[in-house]
C-alpha atoms as a PDB file:
ATOM      1  CA  MET A   1    -117.581-127.720  -9.805  1.00  0.00           C
ATOM      2  CA  ARG A   2    -114.922-130.269  -8.925  1.00  0.00           C
ATOM      3  CA  ILE A   3    -115.342-133.418  -6.888  1.00  0.00           C
ATOM      4  CA  PRO A   4    -112.654-134.113  -4.274  1.00  0.00           C
ATOM      5  CA  ALA A   5    -110.109-136.751  -5.331  1.00  0.00           C
ATOM      6  CA  ARG A   6    -111.023-138.998  -2.397  1.00  0.00           C
ATOM      7  CA  PHE A   7    -114.316-139.732  -4.179  1.00  0.00           C
ATOM      8  CA  ALA A   8    -112.584-140.836  -7.406  1.00  0.00           C
ATOM      9  CA  PRO A   9    -113.054-144.605  -6.841  1.00  0.00           C
ATOM     10  CA  ILE A  10    -116.768-144.154  -6.182  1.00  0.00           C
ATOM     11  CA  LEU A  11    -117.216-141.867  -9.186  1.00  0.00           C
ATOM     12  CA  PHE A  12    -115.229-144.276 -11.371  1.00  0.00           C
ATOM     13  CA  SER A  13    -117.464-147.178 -10.284  1.00  0.00           C
ATOM     14  CA  ALA A  14    -120.648-145.187 -10.805  1.00  0.00           C
ATOM     15  CA  LEU A  15    -119.712-143.989 -14.289  1.00  0.00           C
ATOM     16  CA  LEU A  16    -118.239-147.265 -15.511  1.00  0.00           C
ATOM     17  CA  SER A  17    -121.187-149.309 -14.274  1.00  0.00           C
ATOM     18  CA  ALA A  18    -123.739-146.860 -15.715  1.00  0.00           C
ATOM     19  CA  ILE A  19    -122.065-146.842 -19.131  1.00  0.00           C
ATOM     20  CA  MET A  20    -121.719-150.624 -19.217  1.00  0.00           C
ATOM     21  CA  VAL A  21    -125.312-151.215 -18.072  1.00  0.00           C
ATOM     22  CA  CYS A  22    -126.655-148.876 -20.748  1.00  0.00           C
ATOM     23  CA  ILE A  23    -124.626-150.428 -23.551  1.00  0.00           C
ATOM     24  CA  VAL A  24    -125.087-154.070 -22.571  1.00  0.00           C
ATOM     25  CA  SER A  25    -128.798-153.821 -21.811  1.00  0.00           C
ATOM     26  CA  ALA A  26    -129.444-152.069 -25.140  1.00  0.00           C
ATOM     27  CA  PHE A  27    -127.464-154.741 -26.972  1.00  0.00           C
ATOM     28  CA  VAL A  28    -129.218-157.628 -25.235  1.00  0.00           C
ATOM     29  CA  LEU A  29    -132.677-156.153 -25.782  1.00  0.00           C
ATOM     30  CA  ALA A  30    -131.975-155.354 -29.434  1.00  0.00           C
ATOM     31  CA  THR A  31    -130.612-158.812 -30.200  1.00  0.00           C
ATOM     32  CA  SER A  32    -133.262-160.725 -28.270  1.00  0.00           C
ATOM     33  CA  GLN A  33    -136.373-158.680 -29.110  1.00  0.00           C
ATOM     34  CA  GLY A  34    -135.355-156.296 -31.855  1.00  0.00           C
ATOM     35  CA  ILE A  35    -135.973-152.569 -31.970  1.00  0.00           C
ATOM     36  CA  HIS A  36    -139.693-151.995 -31.468  1.00  0.00           C
ATOM     37  CA  SER A  37    -142.070-149.251 -30.342  1.00  0.00           C
ATOM     38  CA  GLY A  38    -141.607-149.981 -26.621  1.00  0.00           C
ATOM     39  CA  PHE A  39    -137.849-150.471 -26.856  1.00  0.00           C
ATOM     40  CA  LEU A  40    -136.843-147.211 -25.177  1.00  0.00           C
ATOM     41  CA  ALA A  41    -139.133-147.709 -22.171  1.00  0.00           C
ATOM     42  CA  GLN A  42    -138.041-151.316 -21.760  1.00  0.00           C
ATOM     43  CA  TRP A  43    -134.377-150.323 -22.090  1.00  0.00           C
ATOM     44  CA  LEU A  44    -134.690-147.592 -19.448  1.00  0.00           C
ATOM     45  CA  LYS A  45    -136.447-150.002 -17.072  1.00  0.00           C
ATOM     46  CA  SER A  46    -133.683-152.534 -17.642  1.00  0.00           C
ATOM     47  CA  CYS A  47    -131.002-149.922 -16.905  1.00  0.00           C
ATOM     48  CA  ILE A  48    -132.733-148.750 -13.737  1.00  0.00           C
ATOM     49  CA  THR A  49    -133.165-152.268 -12.372  1.00  0.00           C
ATOM     50  CA  THR A  50    -129.692-153.497 -13.335  1.00  0.00           C
ATOM     51  CA  TRP A  51    -127.516-150.553 -12.280  1.00  0.00           C
ATOM     52  CA  PRO A  52    -127.974-151.094  -8.513  1.00  0.00           C
ATOM     53  CA  VAL A  53    -126.351-154.505  -8.983  1.00  0.00           C
ATOM     54  CA  ALA A  54    -123.621-153.321 -11.350  1.00  0.00           C
ATOM     55  CA  PHE A  55    -122.468-150.338  -9.269  1.00  0.00           C
ATOM     56  CA  PRO A  56    -121.453-152.191  -6.092  1.00  0.00           C
ATOM     57  CA  THR A  57    -120.052-155.025  -8.200  1.00  0.00           C
ATOM     58  CA  VAL A  58    -117.705-152.656 -10.030  1.00  0.00           C
ATOM     59  CA  ALA A  59    -116.823-150.892  -6.776  1.00  0.00           C
ATOM     60  CA  ILE A  60    -115.810-154.206  -5.192  1.00  0.00           C
ATOM     61  CA  VAL A  61    -114.165-155.839  -8.206  1.00  0.00           C
ATOM     62  CA  ALA A  62    -112.244-152.871  -9.704  1.00  0.00           C
ATOM     63  CA  PRO A  63    -109.451-152.744  -7.071  1.00  0.00           C
ATOM     64  CA  TRP A  64    -108.943-156.488  -7.391  1.00  0.00           C
ATOM     65  CA  VAL A  65    -108.735-156.238 -11.188  1.00  0.00           C
ATOM     66  CA  ARG A  66    -106.259-153.336 -10.944  1.00  0.00           C
ATOM     67  CA  ARG A  67    -103.987-155.469  -8.726  1.00  0.00           C
ATOM     68  CA  ILE A  68    -104.142-158.394 -11.161  1.00  0.00           C
ATOM     69  CA  VAL A  69    -103.366-156.126 -14.114  1.00  0.00           C
ATOM     70  CA  GLY A  70    -100.470-154.609 -12.149  1.00  0.00           C
ATOM     71  CA  ARG A  71     -99.018-158.039 -11.539  1.00  0.00           C
ATOM     72  CA  VAL A  72     -99.271-159.308 -15.093  1.00  0.00           C
ATOM     73  CA  THR A  73     -98.026-156.192 -16.868  1.00  0.00           C
ATOM     74  CA  ALA A  74     -94.505-154.837 -17.050  1.00  0.00           C
END
């Protein structure tokens, strides 16, 4: 199954934001509270509540960042 290329920016934003939310929320929870018995449940809740903010943010900011990188690189 292949996704049409016109959906690439949306897929990019969804994947990037999901990966970043998972990594950052795990890091923040582990450093602030340590790894404990309820860590996994708390981490999943954090991911689920944070991703709806991260996804549109990446979707809006990514084109702007690409333009900046294009201007400052050779």
